[in-house]
Amino acid sequence: MKRKVLALMVPALLMASAANAAEIYNKNGNKLDLYGKVDGLHYFSDDASEDGDQTYVRFGLKGETQITSELTGYGQWE
């Protein structure tokens, strides 16, 4: 029974990822957010071209500005 639980837990832990976001500026109708994601992956395969570390990191910035009372501008860089 313990082996069965372990066999299910290991892939679940390997597929877990972390995503975070933080507002770094908010003043006078202007906002700037920083966000990111980290995925830790390792593939096991008989084919050497698909085997190995597949870890990646993604981060970016999102911005928002109040142009007029009825118009808002948005921007994003990743």
Protein backbone atom coordinates (compact mmCIF):
# COMPACT_ATOMS: atom_id res chain seq x y z
CA MET A 1 0.00 0.00 0.00
CA LYS A 2 2.83 2.43 0.82
CA ARG A 3 4.38 1.90 -2.59
CA LYS A 4 1.09 2.74 -4.26
CA VAL A 5 0.81 6.00 -2.34
CA LEU A 6 4.44 6.85 -3.07
CA ALA A 7 3.94 6.07 -6.76
CA LEU A 8 1.08 8.59 -6.85
CA MET A 9 2.79 11.27 -4.76
CA VAL A 10 6.07 11.53 -6.68
CA PRO A 11 4.49 12.57 -10.02
CA ALA A 12 2.17 14.98 -8.21
CA LEU A 13 5.13 16.68 -6.54
CA LEU A 14 7.08 16.84 -9.79
CA MET A 15 4.18 18.52 -11.58
CA ALA A 16 3.69 21.16 -8.88
CA SER A 17 4.54 24.71 -9.86
CA ALA A 18 4.61 28.08 -8.14
CA ALA A 19 3.08 31.30 -9.42
CA ASN A 20 3.32 34.67 -7.71
CA ALA A 21 2.33 38.28 -8.29
CA ALA A 22 3.02 41.56 -6.53
CA GLU A 23 1.88 45.13 -7.03
CA ILE A 24 5.05 47.23 -7.06
CA TYR A 25 3.55 50.66 -7.84
CA ASN A 26 0.09 52.18 -7.39
CA LYS A 27 -0.21 55.97 -7.40
CA ASN A 28 -2.43 58.56 -9.12
CA GLY A 29 -4.24 56.02 -11.31
CA ASN A 30 -1.02 54.29 -12.43
CA LYS A 31 -0.35 50.67 -11.48
CA LEU A 32 2.57 48.34 -12.14
CA ASP A 33 2.45 44.63 -11.26
CA LEU A 34 5.26 42.08 -11.35
CA TYR A 35 4.31 38.44 -11.83
CA GLY A 36 6.05 35.14 -12.42
CA LYS A 37 5.87 31.38 -12.55
CA VAL A 38 8.42 28.62 -12.00
CA ASP A 39 7.93 25.06 -13.29
CA GLY A 40 10.44 22.42 -12.22
CA LEU A 41 10.28 19.49 -14.64
CA HIS A 42 12.47 16.51 -15.44
CA TYR A 43 11.51 13.99 -18.12
CA PHE A 44 12.66 10.39 -18.14
CA SER A 45 12.60 8.85 -21.60
CA ASP A 46 14.31 6.21 -23.70
CA ASP A 47 14.74 8.85 -26.40
CA ALA A 48 17.78 11.00 -25.49
CA SER A 49 16.36 14.05 -27.27
CA GLU A 50 13.34 14.13 -24.92
CA ASP A 51 15.15 13.14 -21.72
CA GLY A 52 16.38 15.64 -19.16
CA ASP A 53 15.67 18.92 -17.44
CA GLN A 54 12.69 20.88 -18.79
CA THR A 55 12.55 23.51 -16.03
CA TYR A 56 11.47 27.00 -17.03
CA VAL A 57 10.81 30.40 -15.49
CA ARG A 58 8.37 33.02 -16.74
CA PHE A 59 8.13 36.59 -15.47
CA GLY A 60 6.56 39.79 -16.64
CA LEU A 61 5.16 43.22 -15.92
CA LYS A 62 1.59 44.48 -16.26
CA GLY A 63 0.76 48.16 -16.28
CA GLU A 64 -2.41 50.18 -16.10
CA THR A 65 -2.93 53.93 -16.35
CA GLN A 66 -6.02 56.09 -16.07
CA ILE A 67 -5.94 58.35 -19.16
CA THR A 68 -9.33 60.00 -18.61
CA SER A 69 -12.28 59.22 -16.35
CA GLU A 70 -13.67 56.93 -19.07
CA LEU A 71 -10.47 55.66 -20.72
CA THR A 72 -7.87 53.32 -19.25
CA GLY A 73 -4.63 52.19 -20.92
CA TYR A 74 -3.13 48.73 -20.38
CA GLY A 75 0.28 47.25 -21.16
CA GLN A 76 2.02 43.93 -20.61
CA TRP A 77 5.55 42.64 -21.13
CA GLU A 78 6.53 39.00 -20.59
